[in-house]
Amino acid sequence: MSFKITFTALASLALIASCGGGGYKSAARYAPKAPIAVGSASGQISRACLMSDRKARSRQLCGCIQAVADMSLSGRDQSLAASFYSNPQKAQDIRQSDNPNNERFWKKYREYADTAEQICG
């Protein structure tokens, strides 16, 4: 599975995990403000990313992904998204769910994932 597909799936799942908390903020409005200072970005998603078995993982990439998550996902959404690293099937289950809350989360997660891909590469 390619990194891009894996990252997109994991990013989507991460969005689902953080339903609540700080509320939803559109990640797209932050994209023009790149570059992001990633050296100090740490959190649930960054830790899950660094502990994953992904070949492309690095402190810089995982920190960047976390920085985008901090701008666009609530803490609850980040928790859910971080869980996708250890359980990718969970992401698929949420993506395919007919539950309105899961559908809302997936929409936020996709926006987050697309933004992270644009900013973090």
N, C-alpha and C. Protein backbone atom coordinates (compact mmCIF):
# COMPACT_ATOMS: atom_id res chain seq x y z
N MET A 1 0.84 -1.17 0.00
CA MET A 1 0.00 0.00 0.00
C MET A 1 0.89 1.24 0.00
N SER A 2 0.60 2.19 -0.83
CA SER A 2 1.46 3.37 -0.94
C SER A 2 1.30 4.27 0.28
N PHE A 3 2.31 5.09 0.52
CA PHE A 3 2.28 6.01 1.65
C PHE A 3 1.11 6.97 1.54
N LYS A 4 0.85 7.45 0.34
CA LYS A 4 -0.23 8.43 0.14
C LYS A 4 -1.57 7.83 0.53
N ILE A 5 -1.84 6.61 0.11
CA ILE A 5 -3.10 5.95 0.45
C ILE A 5 -3.16 5.68 1.95
N THR A 6 -2.06 5.19 2.50
CA THR A 6 -2.02 4.90 3.92
C THR A 6 -2.21 6.17 4.73
N PHE A 7 -1.50 7.23 4.35
CA PHE A 7 -1.64 8.49 5.07
C PHE A 7 -3.06 9.01 5.00
N THR A 8 -3.68 8.95 3.81
CA THR A 8 -5.04 9.43 3.64
C THR A 8 -5.99 8.64 4.51
N ALA A 9 -5.84 7.33 4.54
CA ALA A 9 -6.70 6.49 5.37
C ALA A 9 -6.51 6.82 6.84
N LEU A 10 -5.26 6.96 7.26
CA LEU A 10 -4.99 7.26 8.66
C LEU A 10 -5.46 8.66 9.03
N ALA A 11 -5.26 9.58 8.15
CA ALA A 11 -5.70 10.95 8.42
C ALA A 11 -7.21 11.00 8.53
N SER A 12 -7.90 10.25 7.69
CA SER A 12 -9.36 10.21 7.74
C SER A 12 -9.84 9.64 9.05
N LEU A 13 -9.18 8.62 9.51
CA LEU A 13 -9.57 8.00 10.76
C LEU A 13 -9.29 8.91 11.94
N ALA A 14 -8.21 9.62 11.88
CA ALA A 14 -7.86 10.54 12.95
C ALA A 14 -8.93 11.59 13.12
N LEU A 15 -9.50 12.03 12.05
CA LEU A 15 -10.54 13.04 12.09
C LEU A 15 -11.75 12.53 12.84
N ILE A 16 -12.09 11.27 12.67
CA ILE A 16 -13.26 10.68 13.32
C ILE A 16 -13.07 10.62 14.83
N ALA A 17 -11.87 10.35 15.26
CA ALA A 17 -11.58 10.14 16.67
C ALA A 17 -11.77 11.38 17.51
N SER A 18 -11.70 12.54 16.93
CA SER A 18 -11.73 13.76 17.73
C SER A 18 -13.05 14.52 17.60
N CYS A 19 -14.17 13.83 17.67
CA CYS A 19 -15.48 14.47 17.62
C CYS A 19 -15.75 15.17 18.93
N GLY A 20 -15.69 16.47 18.91
CA GLY A 20 -15.95 17.23 20.13
C GLY A 20 -14.74 18.06 20.49
N GLY A 21 -14.70 18.50 21.72
CA GLY A 21 -13.56 19.28 22.19
C GLY A 21 -13.60 20.69 21.65
N GLY A 22 -12.54 21.09 20.97
CA GLY A 22 -12.38 22.45 20.51
C GLY A 22 -13.26 22.85 19.35
N GLY A 23 -14.02 21.94 18.80
CA GLY A 23 -14.90 22.27 17.71
C GLY A 23 -14.21 22.15 16.37
N TYR A 24 -14.99 22.22 15.33
CA TYR A 24 -14.49 22.04 13.98
C TYR A 24 -14.00 23.34 13.40
N LYS A 25 -12.80 23.30 12.85
CA LYS A 25 -12.22 24.46 12.18
C LYS A 25 -11.74 23.99 10.81
N SER A 26 -12.13 24.66 9.80
CA SER A 26 -11.75 24.26 8.45
C SER A 26 -10.24 24.33 8.27
N ALA A 27 -9.64 23.21 7.90
CA ALA A 27 -8.19 23.17 7.68
C ALA A 27 -7.80 23.95 6.45
N ALA A 28 -8.68 24.04 5.47
CA ALA A 28 -8.36 24.71 4.22
C ALA A 28 -7.98 26.18 4.43
N ARG A 29 -8.53 26.81 5.42
CA ARG A 29 -8.22 28.23 5.63
C ARG A 29 -6.80 28.44 6.12
N TYR A 30 -6.15 27.37 6.59
CA TYR A 30 -4.78 27.48 7.06
C TYR A 30 -3.74 27.17 6.00
N ALA A 31 -4.14 26.49 4.94
CA ALA A 31 -3.19 26.04 3.93
C ALA A 31 -2.32 27.16 3.37
N PRO A 32 -2.88 28.34 3.08
CA PRO A 32 -2.04 29.40 2.52
C PRO A 32 -0.98 29.91 3.48
N LYS A 33 -1.07 29.58 4.76
CA LYS A 33 -0.12 30.09 5.74
C LYS A 33 1.11 29.20 5.87
N ALA A 34 1.22 28.19 5.02
CA ALA A 34 2.39 27.31 5.07
C ALA A 34 3.63 28.15 4.79
N PRO A 35 4.80 27.84 5.21
CA PRO A 35 5.14 26.60 5.87
C PRO A 35 4.81 26.62 7.36
N ILE A 36 4.65 25.44 7.89
CA ILE A 36 4.32 25.25 9.29
C ILE A 36 5.59 24.91 10.04
N ALA A 37 5.75 25.45 11.23
CA ALA A 37 6.89 25.09 12.08
C ALA A 37 6.57 23.74 12.70
N VAL A 38 7.27 22.71 12.24
CA VAL A 38 6.93 21.36 12.66
C VAL A 38 7.85 20.82 13.75
N GLY A 39 8.91 21.46 14.04
CA GLY A 39 9.86 20.92 15.00
C GLY A 39 9.26 20.69 16.37
N SER A 40 8.32 21.51 16.79
CA SER A 40 7.78 21.39 18.13
C SER A 40 6.37 20.79 18.16
N ALA A 41 5.82 20.44 17.01
CA ALA A 41 4.47 19.90 16.98
C ALA A 41 4.47 18.48 17.51
N SER A 42 3.80 18.29 18.63
CA SER A 42 3.69 16.96 19.19
C SER A 42 2.28 16.77 19.71
N GLY A 43 1.84 15.54 19.72
CA GLY A 43 0.50 15.23 20.17
C GLY A 43 0.19 13.78 19.84
N GLN A 44 -1.08 13.44 19.97
CA GLN A 44 -1.51 12.06 19.78
C GLN A 44 -1.19 11.53 18.38
N ILE A 45 -1.46 12.34 17.38
CA ILE A 45 -1.24 11.89 16.00
C ILE A 45 0.25 11.76 15.72
N SER A 46 1.03 12.71 16.18
CA SER A 46 2.48 12.64 15.98
C SER A 46 3.07 11.40 16.64
N ARG A 47 2.64 11.11 17.86
CA ARG A 47 3.14 9.92 18.56
C ARG A 47 2.74 8.64 17.84
N ALA A 48 1.48 8.57 17.41
CA ALA A 48 1.02 7.38 16.69
C ALA A 48 1.77 7.22 15.38
N CYS A 49 2.02 8.31 14.71
CA CYS A 49 2.77 8.30 13.45
C CYS A 49 4.18 7.78 13.68
N LEU A 50 4.86 8.29 14.69
CA LEU A 50 6.23 7.88 14.97
C LEU A 50 6.33 6.42 15.41
N MET A 51 5.30 5.91 16.07
CA MET A 51 5.31 4.52 16.52
C MET A 51 4.85 3.54 15.43
N SER A 52 4.36 4.08 14.32
CA SER A 52 3.87 3.22 13.25
C SER A 52 5.03 2.54 12.53
N ASP A 53 4.67 1.58 11.70
CA ASP A 53 5.70 0.87 10.92
C ASP A 53 5.85 1.45 9.52
N ARG A 54 5.34 2.65 9.30
CA ARG A 54 5.42 3.28 7.99
C ARG A 54 6.87 3.63 7.66
N LYS A 55 7.31 3.28 6.47
CA LYS A 55 8.69 3.53 6.06
C LYS A 55 8.99 5.02 5.95
N ALA A 56 8.01 5.82 5.56
CA ALA A 56 8.25 7.24 5.31
C ALA A 56 8.16 8.09 6.58
N ARG A 57 7.93 7.50 7.73
CA ARG A 57 7.76 8.29 8.95
C ARG A 57 9.07 8.97 9.33
N SER A 58 8.92 10.15 9.87
CA SER A 58 10.07 10.91 10.38
C SER A 58 9.51 11.93 11.37
N ARG A 59 10.37 12.46 12.21
CA ARG A 59 9.91 13.48 13.17
C ARG A 59 9.33 14.67 12.43
N GLN A 60 9.98 15.05 11.33
CA GLN A 60 9.51 16.21 10.58
C GLN A 60 8.12 15.95 9.98
N LEU A 61 7.94 14.81 9.33
CA LEU A 61 6.65 14.50 8.71
C LEU A 61 5.56 14.35 9.77
N CYS A 62 5.84 13.57 10.80
CA CYS A 62 4.83 13.35 11.84
C CYS A 62 4.50 14.65 12.57
N GLY A 63 5.50 15.51 12.78
CA GLY A 63 5.25 16.81 13.40
C GLY A 63 4.41 17.71 12.52
N CYS A 64 4.64 17.65 11.22
CA CYS A 64 3.85 18.45 10.28
C CYS A 64 2.40 17.99 10.27
N ILE A 65 2.21 16.67 10.23
CA ILE A 65 0.86 16.11 10.24
C ILE A 65 0.14 16.52 11.52
N GLN A 66 0.85 16.51 12.64
CA GLN A 66 0.27 16.92 13.92
C GLN A 66 -0.09 18.41 13.89
N ALA A 67 0.78 19.23 13.31
CA ALA A 67 0.52 20.67 13.26
C ALA A 67 -0.76 20.96 12.47
N VAL A 68 -0.97 20.26 11.39
CA VAL A 68 -2.20 20.44 10.60
C VAL A 68 -3.39 19.95 11.42
N ALA A 69 -3.24 18.84 12.12
CA ALA A 69 -4.33 18.33 12.97
C ALA A 69 -4.68 19.35 14.06
N ASP A 70 -3.67 19.98 14.65
CA ASP A 70 -3.91 20.97 15.70
C ASP A 70 -4.71 22.16 15.17
N MET A 71 -4.55 22.47 13.90
CA MET A 71 -5.27 23.60 13.31
C MET A 71 -6.69 23.23 12.90
N SER A 72 -6.95 21.94 12.67
CA SER A 72 -8.22 21.59 12.03
C SER A 72 -9.07 20.57 12.76
N LEU A 73 -8.52 19.84 13.71
CA LEU A 73 -9.29 18.79 14.38
C LEU A 73 -9.37 19.05 15.88
N SER A 74 -10.51 18.69 16.45
CA SER A 74 -10.66 18.79 17.90
C SER A 74 -9.83 17.69 18.55
N GLY A 75 -9.66 17.76 19.83
CA GLY A 75 -8.92 16.73 20.55
C GLY A 75 -9.54 15.36 20.40
N ARG A 76 -10.85 15.28 20.44
CA ARG A 76 -11.54 14.00 20.27
C ARG A 76 -11.32 13.45 18.87
N ASP A 77 -11.39 14.32 17.87
CA ASP A 77 -11.15 13.89 16.49
C ASP A 77 -9.71 13.40 16.33
N GLN A 78 -8.77 14.08 16.98
CA GLN A 78 -7.38 13.65 16.90
C GLN A 78 -7.18 12.28 17.55
N SER A 79 -7.87 12.03 18.64
CA SER A 79 -7.77 10.72 19.30
C SER A 79 -8.24 9.62 18.36
N LEU A 80 -9.36 9.86 17.72
CA LEU A 80 -9.89 8.86 16.80
C LEU A 80 -8.94 8.67 15.62
N ALA A 81 -8.46 9.75 15.07
CA ALA A 81 -7.55 9.67 13.93
C ALA A 81 -6.27 8.94 14.31
N ALA A 82 -5.75 9.21 15.48
CA ALA A 82 -4.52 8.54 15.94
C ALA A 82 -4.73 7.04 16.05
N SER A 83 -5.93 6.63 16.39
CA SER A 83 -6.21 5.20 16.54
C SER A 83 -6.14 4.46 15.20
N PHE A 84 -6.24 5.17 14.11
CA PHE A 84 -6.18 4.55 12.79
C PHE A 84 -4.80 3.97 12.48
N TYR A 85 -3.77 4.53 13.11
CA TYR A 85 -2.42 4.04 12.87
C TYR A 85 -2.29 2.59 13.34
N SER A 86 -2.91 2.27 14.46
CA SER A 86 -2.80 0.91 14.98
C SER A 86 -3.95 0.02 14.52
N ASN A 87 -5.02 0.64 14.01
CA ASN A 87 -6.19 -0.14 13.58
C ASN A 87 -6.78 0.47 12.31
N PRO A 88 -6.14 0.25 11.15
CA PRO A 88 -6.63 0.84 9.89
C PRO A 88 -8.06 0.41 9.53
N GLN A 89 -8.46 -0.77 9.99
CA GLN A 89 -9.83 -1.23 9.70
C GLN A 89 -10.86 -0.31 10.33
N LYS A 90 -10.53 0.28 11.46
CA LYS A 90 -11.43 1.22 12.12
C LYS A 90 -11.75 2.40 11.20
N ALA A 91 -10.74 2.86 10.48
CA ALA A 91 -10.95 3.96 9.53
C ALA A 91 -11.93 3.55 8.44
N GLN A 92 -11.75 2.36 7.92
CA GLN A 92 -12.65 1.87 6.88
C GLN A 92 -14.07 1.74 7.40
N ASP A 93 -14.20 1.23 8.61
CA ASP A 93 -15.53 1.06 9.20
C ASP A 93 -16.24 2.41 9.36
N ILE A 94 -15.51 3.40 9.79
CA ILE A 94 -16.09 4.74 9.96
C ILE A 94 -16.42 5.35 8.61
N ARG A 95 -15.51 5.19 7.66
CA ARG A 95 -15.73 5.75 6.32
C ARG A 95 -16.98 5.16 5.68
N GLN A 96 -17.23 3.90 5.88
CA GLN A 96 -18.36 3.22 5.24
C GLN A 96 -19.63 3.26 6.08
N SER A 97 -19.56 3.82 7.25
CA SER A 97 -20.71 3.87 8.15
C SER A 97 -21.81 4.81 7.63
N ASP A 98 -23.04 4.47 7.95
CA ASP A 98 -24.17 5.33 7.61
C ASP A 98 -24.54 6.25 8.78
N ASN A 99 -23.80 6.15 9.86
CA ASN A 99 -24.05 6.98 11.04
C ASN A 99 -23.74 8.44 10.71
N PRO A 100 -24.68 9.36 10.96
CA PRO A 100 -24.44 10.78 10.63
C PRO A 100 -23.21 11.37 11.31
N ASN A 101 -22.93 10.97 12.55
CA ASN A 101 -21.74 11.48 13.24
C ASN A 101 -20.47 11.00 12.56
N ASN A 102 -20.46 9.75 12.14
CA ASN A 102 -19.29 9.23 11.42
C ASN A 102 -19.13 9.92 10.07
N GLU A 103 -20.23 10.21 9.41
CA GLU A 103 -20.17 10.91 8.13
C GLU A 103 -19.60 12.32 8.30
N ARG A 104 -20.01 13.02 9.36
CA ARG A 104 -19.47 14.36 9.63
C ARG A 104 -17.98 14.27 9.93
N PHE A 105 -17.61 13.31 10.78
CA PHE A 105 -16.21 13.14 11.10
C PHE A 105 -15.40 12.85 9.83
N TRP A 106 -15.90 11.96 8.99
CA TRP A 106 -15.14 11.58 7.80
C TRP A 106 -14.93 12.78 6.88
N LYS A 107 -15.92 13.63 6.80
CA LYS A 107 -15.79 14.84 5.96
C LYS A 107 -14.66 15.73 6.52
N LYS A 108 -14.66 15.93 7.84
CA LYS A 108 -13.60 16.73 8.46
C LYS A 108 -12.24 16.06 8.29
N TYR A 109 -12.21 14.77 8.46
CA TYR A 109 -10.97 14.01 8.35
C TYR A 109 -10.41 14.09 6.93
N ARG A 110 -11.24 13.98 5.93
CA ARG A 110 -10.79 14.07 4.53
C ARG A 110 -10.20 15.45 4.26
N GLU A 111 -10.85 16.48 4.77
CA GLU A 111 -10.32 17.83 4.57
C GLU A 111 -8.97 17.97 5.26
N TYR A 112 -8.87 17.44 6.46
CA TYR A 112 -7.61 17.44 7.20
C TYR A 112 -6.53 16.69 6.42
N ALA A 113 -6.86 15.50 5.96
CA ALA A 113 -5.90 14.67 5.22
C ALA A 113 -5.43 15.35 3.95
N ASP A 114 -6.37 15.96 3.23
CA ASP A 114 -6.00 16.65 1.98
C ASP A 114 -5.08 17.85 2.29
N THR A 115 -5.40 18.57 3.34
CA THR A 115 -4.58 19.73 3.72
C THR A 115 -3.19 19.29 4.16
N ALA A 116 -3.14 18.24 4.98
CA ALA A 116 -1.85 17.72 5.44
C ALA A 116 -1.00 17.25 4.27
N GLU A 117 -1.64 16.63 3.30
CA GLU A 117 -0.89 16.16 2.13
C GLU A 117 -0.31 17.35 1.35
N GLN A 118 -1.11 18.41 1.22
CA GLN A 118 -0.63 19.60 0.48
C GLN A 118 0.53 20.28 1.23
N ILE A 119 0.40 20.40 2.53
CA ILE A 119 1.37 21.13 3.31
C ILE A 119 2.61 20.29 3.62
N CYS A 120 2.39 19.04 3.98
CA CYS A 120 3.48 18.18 4.47
C CYS A 120 4.13 17.34 3.38
N GLY A 121 3.46 17.27 2.24
CA GLY A 121 4.03 16.53 1.12
C GLY A 121 3.73 15.12 1.12
